[in-house]
Amino acid sequence: MRGASLALLTLLCGCAEDLCGAFPPGPARVLILGDSVLAWNSSICQSVAHHAAWTLGKAADIRAVISTQLMEGDALLPAITDQYSDGDWEWVVLDGGGNDLNKKCACGECGDLLDRLVDVGGRKGAMPELVDRARARGAKVILLGYYDVGPDAAYGFAECRDEIHELNRRYRHVAAQRRNVFFVSGGDVLNPDRTPDLYDVDRVHPAPNGAEKLGQLIGRTMREN
């Protein structure tokens, strides 16, 4: 699938090699985990993850992969929780949960699944546990919230608006209750009504210009904190 090759190669080789040739020299201090929001356009070196690292000005180990879920994966498509490994990370950037909701409950009756991803208070669940693993090693964390998609969004995500809003609300609680955890809203950049030009043709993923703007927002947040 378009955009998956670079991120998947980086994940499988277990390295932080900069295949785009644009990161500063030296070991990666930024780890980027997640799904296609962060990985889209990786094959042309124009993903949100790349732009976030370039804005910060530090090398990144990008492990985000298209179609991955937060909680369930396999050998070829590890769950986001399995993308993480301990290291001397200064920052960990992550998103996730949207594919779980879309694939597991079709963004319908998703109460139990939402609670497994993150509970109402933002204290328990797969995402808070992953955030706390990163914090335990001294990393600061960027938790990226999803932006809205319109009624013409592909892959079933047009039905996910309410569930994604609730997921974002709970992710805000995760960040609010923890030091050095920062919630960044993708909706501050992408909106199907105000900025339709920032979406790819599937109306779900960021176009290269949308990825640049969202990556710059993440990078600036890291730089300022």
C-alpha atoms as a PDB file:
ATOM      1  CA  MET A   1       0.000   0.000   0.000  1.00  0.00           C
ATOM      2  CA  ARG A   2       1.281   3.492  -0.831  1.00  0.00           C
ATOM      3  CA  GLY A   3       3.384   4.951   1.962  1.00  0.00           C
ATOM      4  CA  ALA A   4       3.930   1.680   3.827  1.00  0.00           C
ATOM      5  CA  SER A   5       7.265   0.617   2.368  1.00  0.00           C
ATOM      6  CA  LEU A   6       9.558   3.043   4.140  1.00  0.00           C
ATOM      7  CA  ALA A   7       7.894   2.724   7.536  1.00  0.00           C
ATOM      8  CA  LEU A   8       7.672  -1.056   7.291  1.00  0.00           C
ATOM      9  CA  LEU A   9      11.308  -1.386   6.231  1.00  0.00           C
ATOM     10  CA  THR A  10      12.408   0.765   9.143  1.00  0.00           C
ATOM     11  CA  LEU A  11      10.311  -1.347  11.503  1.00  0.00           C
ATOM     12  CA  LEU A  12      11.569  -4.696  10.199  1.00  0.00           C
ATOM     13  CA  CYS A  13      15.225  -3.735  10.205  1.00  0.00           C
ATOM     14  CA  GLY A  14      14.946  -2.369  13.753  1.00  0.00           C
ATOM     15  CA  CYS A  15      17.045   0.637  12.840  1.00  0.00           C
ATOM     16  CA  ALA A  16      16.769   4.392  12.616  1.00  0.00           C
ATOM     17  CA  GLU A  17      18.353   4.684   9.177  1.00  0.00           C
ATOM     18  CA  ASP A  18      17.231   7.828   7.403  1.00  0.00           C
ATOM     19  CA  LEU A  19      16.286   6.539   3.977  1.00  0.00           C
ATOM     20  CA  CYS A  20      15.239  10.062   2.982  1.00  0.00           C
ATOM     21  CA  GLY A  21      18.706  11.411   3.676  1.00  0.00           C
ATOM     22  CA  ALA A  22      17.496  14.468   5.526  1.00  0.00           C
ATOM     23  CA  PHE A  23      17.891  13.825   9.259  1.00  0.00           C
ATOM     24  CA  PRO A  24      20.862  15.279  11.164  1.00  0.00           C
ATOM     25  CA  PRO A  25      23.687  12.816  11.866  1.00  0.00           C
ATOM     26  CA  GLY A  26      23.770  10.896  15.119  1.00  0.00           C
ATOM     27  CA  PRO A  27      21.546   8.446  16.986  1.00  0.00           C
ATOM     28  CA  ALA A  28      17.790   8.925  16.865  1.00  0.00           C
ATOM     29  CA  ARG A  29      16.370  10.554  19.972  1.00  0.00           C
ATOM     30  CA  VAL A  30      12.781  10.689  18.696  1.00  0.00           C
ATOM     31  CA  LEU A  31      10.616   7.570  18.371  1.00  0.00           C
ATOM     32  CA  ILE A  32       7.465   7.825  16.260  1.00  0.00           C
ATOM     33  CA  LEU A  33       4.802   5.125  16.612  1.00  0.00           C
ATOM     34  CA  GLY A  34       1.352   4.808  15.169  1.00  0.00           C
ATOM     35  CA  ASP A  35      -0.866   4.261  12.173  1.00  0.00           C
ATOM     36  CA  SER A  36      -1.363   5.717   8.712  1.00  0.00           C
ATOM     37  CA  VAL A  37      -2.022   9.260   9.913  1.00  0.00           C
ATOM     38  CA  LEU A  38       1.654   9.439  10.804  1.00  0.00           C
ATOM     39  CA  ALA A  39       2.917   7.063   8.095  1.00  0.00           C
ATOM     40  CA  TRP A  40       1.014   8.229   4.998  1.00  0.00           C
ATOM     41  CA  ASN A  41       3.323   9.570   2.254  1.00  0.00           C
ATOM     42  CA  SER A  42       6.384   7.914   3.807  1.00  0.00           C
ATOM     43  CA  SER A  43       7.376   6.445   0.441  1.00  0.00           C
ATOM     44  CA  ILE A  44       7.952   9.970  -0.848  1.00  0.00           C
ATOM     45  CA  CYS A  45       9.473  11.188   2.438  1.00  0.00           C
ATOM     46  CA  GLN A  46       6.509  13.489   3.067  1.00  0.00           C
ATOM     47  CA  SER A  47       4.798  11.878   6.044  1.00  0.00           C
ATOM     48  CA  VAL A  48       3.627  13.666   9.174  1.00  0.00           C
ATOM     49  CA  ALA A  49       6.363  11.782  11.018  1.00  0.00           C
ATOM     50  CA  HIS A  50       9.099  13.077   8.716  1.00  0.00           C
ATOM     51  CA  HIS A  51       7.926  16.663   8.930  1.00  0.00           C
ATOM     52  CA  ALA A  52       7.677  16.474  12.723  1.00  0.00           C
ATOM     53  CA  ALA A  53      11.295  15.300  13.001  1.00  0.00           C
ATOM     54  CA  TRP A  54      12.552  17.853  10.489  1.00  0.00           C
ATOM     55  CA  THR A  55      10.774  20.692  12.288  1.00  0.00           C
ATOM     56  CA  LEU A  56      12.336  19.606  15.574  1.00  0.00           C
ATOM     57  CA  GLY A  57      15.702  19.208  13.839  1.00  0.00           C
ATOM     58  CA  LYS A  58      16.523  15.771  15.239  1.00  0.00           C
ATOM     59  CA  ALA A  59      16.841  12.277  13.820  1.00  0.00           C
ATOM     60  CA  ALA A  60      13.838  10.011  14.297  1.00  0.00           C
ATOM     61  CA  ASP A  61      13.160   6.294  14.335  1.00  0.00           C
ATOM     62  CA  ILE A  62       9.870   6.128  12.445  1.00  0.00           C
ATOM     63  CA  ARG A  63       7.917   2.928  13.113  1.00  0.00           C
ATOM     64  CA  ALA A  64       4.392   4.062  12.264  1.00  0.00           C
ATOM     65  CA  VAL A  65       2.741   1.728   9.743  1.00  0.00           C
ATOM     66  CA  ILE A  66      -0.393   1.980   7.639  1.00  0.00           C
ATOM     67  CA  SER A  67      -3.417  -0.070   8.835  1.00  0.00           C
ATOM     68  CA  THR A  68      -1.952  -1.007  12.210  1.00  0.00           C
ATOM     69  CA  GLN A  69      -4.166  -1.160  15.287  1.00  0.00           C
ATOM     70  CA  LEU A  70      -3.299  -0.007  18.761  1.00  0.00           C
ATOM     71  CA  MET A  71      -3.937  -3.343  20.475  1.00  0.00           C
ATOM     72  CA  GLU A  72      -3.850  -6.183  17.954  1.00  0.00           C
ATOM     73  CA  GLY A  73      -1.181  -7.103  15.403  1.00  0.00           C
ATOM     74  CA  ASP A  74       0.939  -9.879  13.995  1.00  0.00           C
ATOM     75  CA  ALA A  75       4.498 -10.514  12.812  1.00  0.00           C
ATOM     76  CA  LEU A  76       4.127  -8.426   9.659  1.00  0.00           C
ATOM     77  CA  LEU A  77       1.909  -5.711  11.101  1.00  0.00           C
ATOM     78  CA  PRO A  78       2.692  -5.304  14.791  1.00  0.00           C
ATOM     79  CA  ALA A  79       0.264  -3.521  17.044  1.00  0.00           C
ATOM     80  CA  ILE A  80       1.266   0.004  17.972  1.00  0.00           C
ATOM     81  CA  THR A  81       1.860  -1.194  21.518  1.00  0.00           C
ATOM     82  CA  ASP A  82       4.445  -3.615  20.047  1.00  0.00           C
ATOM     83  CA  GLN A  83       6.157  -0.948  17.950  1.00  0.00           C
ATOM     84  CA  TYR A  84       7.620   0.508  21.130  1.00  0.00           C
ATOM     85  CA  SER A  85      10.984  -0.531  22.513  1.00  0.00           C
ATOM     86  CA  ASP A  86      12.958   0.937  25.391  1.00  0.00           C
ATOM     87  CA  GLY A  87      15.670   3.357  24.411  1.00  0.00           C
ATOM     88  CA  ASP A  88      17.275   6.682  25.166  1.00  0.00           C
ATOM     89  CA  TRP A  89      14.357   8.556  23.659  1.00  0.00           C
ATOM     90  CA  GLU A  90      13.939  12.254  24.261  1.00  0.00           C
ATOM     91  CA  TRP A  91      10.491  12.226  22.673  1.00  0.00           C
ATOM     92  CA  VAL A  92       7.952   9.557  21.774  1.00  0.00           C
ATOM     93  CA  VAL A  93       5.257  10.603  19.310  1.00  0.00           C
ATOM     94  CA  LEU A  94       2.255   8.322  18.930  1.00  0.00           C
ATOM     95  CA  ASP A  95      -1.314   7.995  17.785  1.00  0.00           C
ATOM     96  CA  GLY A  96      -3.687   5.069  17.438  1.00  0.00           C
ATOM     97  CA  GLY A  97      -7.048   3.538  18.124  1.00  0.00           C
ATOM     98  CA  GLY A  98      -8.902   4.649  15.013  1.00  0.00           C
ATOM     99  CA  ASN A  99      -8.286   1.418  13.147  1.00  0.00           C
ATOM    100  CA  ASP A 100      -9.328  -0.604  16.200  1.00  0.00           C
ATOM    101  CA  LEU A 101     -12.689   1.178  16.272  1.00  0.00           C
ATOM    102  CA  ASN A 102     -13.230   0.908  12.545  1.00  0.00           C
ATOM    103  CA  LYS A 103     -12.227  -2.751  12.220  1.00  0.00           C
ATOM    104  CA  LYS A 104     -13.570  -4.180  15.473  1.00  0.00           C
ATOM    105  CA  CYS A 105     -16.934  -2.502  15.903  1.00  0.00           C
ATOM    106  CA  ALA A 106     -17.417  -0.543  12.660  1.00  0.00           C
ATOM    107  CA  CYS A 107     -17.635   2.585  14.819  1.00  0.00           C
ATOM    108  CA  GLY A 108     -21.004   1.437  16.135  1.00  0.00           C
ATOM    109  CA  GLU A 109     -21.479  -0.145  19.545  1.00  0.00           C
ATOM    110  CA  CYS A 110     -17.924   0.503  20.699  1.00  0.00           C
ATOM    111  CA  GLY A 111     -18.233   1.235  24.422  1.00  0.00           C
ATOM    112  CA  ASP A 112     -16.301  -1.799  25.637  1.00  0.00           C
ATOM    113  CA  LEU A 113     -13.608  -1.357  23.003  1.00  0.00           C
ATOM    114  CA  LEU A 114     -13.200   2.314  23.827  1.00  0.00           C
ATOM    115  CA  ASP A 115     -12.688   1.380  27.470  1.00  0.00           C
ATOM    116  CA  ARG A 116      -9.978  -1.096  26.483  1.00  0.00           C
ATOM    117  CA  LEU A 117      -8.226   1.565  24.427  1.00  0.00           C
ATOM    118  CA  VAL A 118      -8.550   4.182  27.182  1.00  0.00           C
ATOM    119  CA  ASP A 119     -11.062   4.472  29.978  1.00  0.00           C
ATOM    120  CA  VAL A 120     -13.309   7.486  30.497  1.00  0.00           C
ATOM    121  CA  GLY A 121     -10.916   9.118  32.938  1.00  0.00           C
ATOM    122  CA  GLY A 122      -7.801   8.535  30.838  1.00  0.00           C
ATOM    123  CA  ARG A 123      -6.136   6.474  33.556  1.00  0.00           C
ATOM    124  CA  LYS A 124      -6.270   2.913  32.248  1.00  0.00           C
ATOM    125  CA  GLY A 125      -6.205   1.139  28.915  1.00  0.00           C
ATOM    126  CA  ALA A 126      -3.792   0.318  26.132  1.00  0.00           C
ATOM    127  CA  MET A 127      -2.903   3.911  25.303  1.00  0.00           C
ATOM    128  CA  PRO A 128      -2.293   5.133  28.869  1.00  0.00           C
ATOM    129  CA  GLU A 129      -0.157   2.050  29.482  1.00  0.00           C
ATOM    130  CA  LEU A 130       1.921   2.751  26.375  1.00  0.00           C
ATOM    131  CA  VAL A 131       2.331   6.402  27.344  1.00  0.00           C
ATOM    132  CA  ASP A 132       3.448   5.399  30.826  1.00  0.00           C
ATOM    133  CA  ARG A 133       6.000   2.927  29.424  1.00  0.00           C
ATOM    134  CA  ALA A 134       7.607   5.754  27.505  1.00  0.00           C
ATOM    135  CA  ARG A 135       7.491   8.151  30.457  1.00  0.00           C
ATOM    136  CA  ALA A 136       9.077   5.575  32.742  1.00  0.00           C
ATOM    137  CA  ARG A 137      12.273   5.856  30.701  1.00  0.00           C
ATOM    138  CA  GLY A 138      12.275   9.645  30.889  1.00  0.00           C
ATOM    139  CA  ALA A 139      10.786  10.444  27.498  1.00  0.00           C
ATOM    140  CA  LYS A 140       8.367  13.239  26.858  1.00  0.00           C
ATOM    141  CA  VAL A 141       5.314  12.166  24.887  1.00  0.00           C
ATOM    142  CA  ILE A 142       3.241  13.718  22.113  1.00  0.00           C
ATOM    143  CA  LEU A 143      -0.196  12.101  21.899  1.00  0.00           C
ATOM    144  CA  LEU A 144      -1.742  12.992  18.564  1.00  0.00           C
ATOM    145  CA  GLY A 145      -5.516  13.263  18.407  1.00  0.00           C
ATOM    146  CA  TYR A 146      -7.386  12.477  15.219  1.00  0.00           C
ATOM    147  CA  TYR A 147      -8.855  15.138  12.950  1.00  0.00           C
ATOM    148  CA  ASP A 148     -12.378  14.924  11.511  1.00  0.00           C
ATOM    149  CA  VAL A 149     -13.225  13.323   8.187  1.00  0.00           C
ATOM    150  CA  GLY A 150     -16.209  14.207   6.037  1.00  0.00           C
ATOM    151  CA  PRO A 151     -19.155  12.125   4.794  1.00  0.00           C
ATOM    152  CA  ASP A 152     -17.179  11.162   1.683  1.00  0.00           C
ATOM    153  CA  ALA A 153     -14.333   9.549   3.652  1.00  0.00           C
ATOM    154  CA  ALA A 154     -13.279   6.091   2.468  1.00  0.00           C
ATOM    155  CA  TYR A 155     -12.763   2.768   4.312  1.00  0.00           C
ATOM    156  CA  GLY A 156     -15.762   3.232   6.609  1.00  0.00           C
ATOM    157  CA  PHE A 157     -14.298   6.149   8.548  1.00  0.00           C
ATOM    158  CA  ALA A 158     -17.226   8.368   7.605  1.00  0.00           C
ATOM    159  CA  GLU A 159     -19.162   6.476  10.311  1.00  0.00           C
ATOM    160  CA  CYS A 160     -16.546   7.081  13.001  1.00  0.00           C
ATOM    161  CA  ARG A 161     -17.002  10.744  13.858  1.00  0.00           C
ATOM    162  CA  ASP A 162     -18.673  10.330  17.273  1.00  0.00           C
ATOM    163  CA  GLU A 163     -16.329   7.537  18.389  1.00  0.00           C
ATOM    164  CA  ILE A 164     -13.243   9.478  17.317  1.00  0.00           C
ATOM    165  CA  HIS A 165     -14.455  12.551  19.201  1.00  0.00           C
ATOM    166  CA  GLU A 166     -14.838  10.449  22.340  1.00  0.00           C
ATOM    167  CA  LEU A 167     -11.418   8.868  21.830  1.00  0.00           C
ATOM    168  CA  ASN A 168      -9.853  12.315  21.520  1.00  0.00           C
ATOM    169  CA  ARG A 169     -11.661  13.502  24.637  1.00  0.00           C
ATOM    170  CA  ARG A 170     -10.219  10.617  26.612  1.00  0.00           C
ATOM    171  CA  TYR A 171      -6.739  11.161  25.151  1.00  0.00           C
ATOM    172  CA  ARG A 172      -6.884  14.744  26.395  1.00  0.00           C
ATOM    173  CA  HIS A 173      -7.422  13.324  29.880  1.00  0.00           C
ATOM    174  CA  VAL A 174      -4.405  11.041  29.448  1.00  0.00           C
ATOM    175  CA  ALA A 175      -2.216  14.060  28.758  1.00  0.00           C
ATOM    176  CA  ALA A 176      -3.779  16.317  31.394  1.00  0.00           C
ATOM    177  CA  GLN A 177      -3.060  13.831  34.183  1.00  0.00           C
ATOM    178  CA  ARG A 178       0.600  13.217  33.325  1.00  0.00           C
ATOM    179  CA  ARG A 179       3.689  15.378  33.368  1.00  0.00           C
ATOM    180  CA  ASN A 180       5.526  15.782  30.077  1.00  0.00           C
ATOM    181  CA  VAL A 181       2.634  14.413  28.010  1.00  0.00           C
ATOM    182  CA  PHE A 182       1.210  16.781  25.406  1.00  0.00           C
ATOM    183  CA  PHE A 183      -1.998  16.288  23.469  1.00  0.00           C
ATOM    184  CA  VAL A 184      -1.813  17.688  19.937  1.00  0.00           C
ATOM    185  CA  SER A 185      -5.102  17.909  18.062  1.00  0.00           C
ATOM    186  CA  GLY A 186      -4.962  17.016  14.397  1.00  0.00           C
ATOM    187  CA  GLY A 187      -8.182  18.989  14.094  1.00  0.00           C
ATOM    188  CA  ASP A 188      -6.215  22.193  14.651  1.00  0.00           C
ATOM    189  CA  VAL A 189      -4.818  21.663  11.145  1.00  0.00           C
ATOM    190  CA  LEU A 190      -7.170  19.434   9.125  1.00  0.00           C
ATOM    191  CA  ASN A 191     -10.893  20.019   8.821  1.00  0.00           C
ATOM    192  CA  PRO A 192     -13.037  18.630   5.985  1.00  0.00           C
ATOM    193  CA  ASP A 193     -15.008  21.859   5.638  1.00  0.00           C
ATOM    194  CA  ARG A 194     -12.302  24.499   6.132  1.00  0.00           C
ATOM    195  CA  THR A 195      -9.233  22.770   4.658  1.00  0.00           C
ATOM    196  CA  PRO A 196     -10.383  20.109   2.167  1.00  0.00           C
ATOM    197  CA  ASP A 197      -7.203  20.648   0.138  1.00  0.00           C
ATOM    198  CA  LEU A 198      -5.115  19.186   2.978  1.00  0.00           C
ATOM    199  CA  TYR A 199      -6.701  15.725   2.556  1.00  0.00           C
ATOM    200  CA  ASP A 200      -5.623  12.996   0.149  1.00  0.00           C
ATOM    201  CA  VAL A 201      -8.033  11.680  -2.481  1.00  0.00           C
ATOM    202  CA  ASP A 202      -9.437   9.101  -0.053  1.00  0.00           C
ATOM    203  CA  ARG A 203     -10.563  11.979   2.187  1.00  0.00           C
ATOM    204  CA  VAL A 204      -9.118  10.156   5.193  1.00  0.00           C
ATOM    205  CA  HIS A 205      -5.357  10.660   5.087  1.00  0.00           C
ATOM    206  CA  PRO A 206      -3.352  13.860   4.879  1.00  0.00           C
ATOM    207  CA  ALA A 207      -2.122  14.998   1.494  1.00  0.00           C
ATOM    208  CA  PRO A 208       1.581  15.953   1.416  1.00  0.00           C
ATOM    209  CA  ASN A 209       0.735  19.582   2.222  1.00  0.00           C
ATOM    210  CA  GLY A 210      -1.527  18.461   5.068  1.00  0.00           C
ATOM    211  CA  ALA A 211       1.175  16.156   6.413  1.00  0.00           C
ATOM    212  CA  GLU A 212       3.634  19.039   6.332  1.00  0.00           C
ATOM    213  CA  LYS A 213       1.367  21.335   8.334  1.00  0.00           C
ATOM    214  CA  LEU A 214       0.467  18.651  10.882  1.00  0.00           C
ATOM    215  CA  GLY A 215       4.096  17.560  11.231  1.00  0.00           C
ATOM    216  CA  GLN A 216       5.155  21.150  11.756  1.00  0.00           C
ATOM    217  CA  LEU A 217       2.576  21.526  14.539  1.00  0.00           C
ATOM    218  CA  ILE A 218       3.938  18.435  16.284  1.00  0.00           C
ATOM    219  CA  GLY A 219       7.535  19.544  15.783  1.00  0.00           C
ATOM    220  CA  ARG A 220       6.866  23.000  17.167  1.00  0.00           C
ATOM    221  CA  THR A 221       5.166  21.504  20.213  1.00  0.00           C
ATOM    222  CA  MET A 222       8.255  19.401  20.904  1.00  0.00           C
ATOM    223  CA  ARG A 223      10.593  22.318  20.301  1.00  0.00           C
ATOM    224  CA  GLU A 224       8.669  24.534  22.725  1.00  0.00           C
ATOM    225  CA  ASN A 225       8.541  21.962  25.526  1.00  0.00           C
END
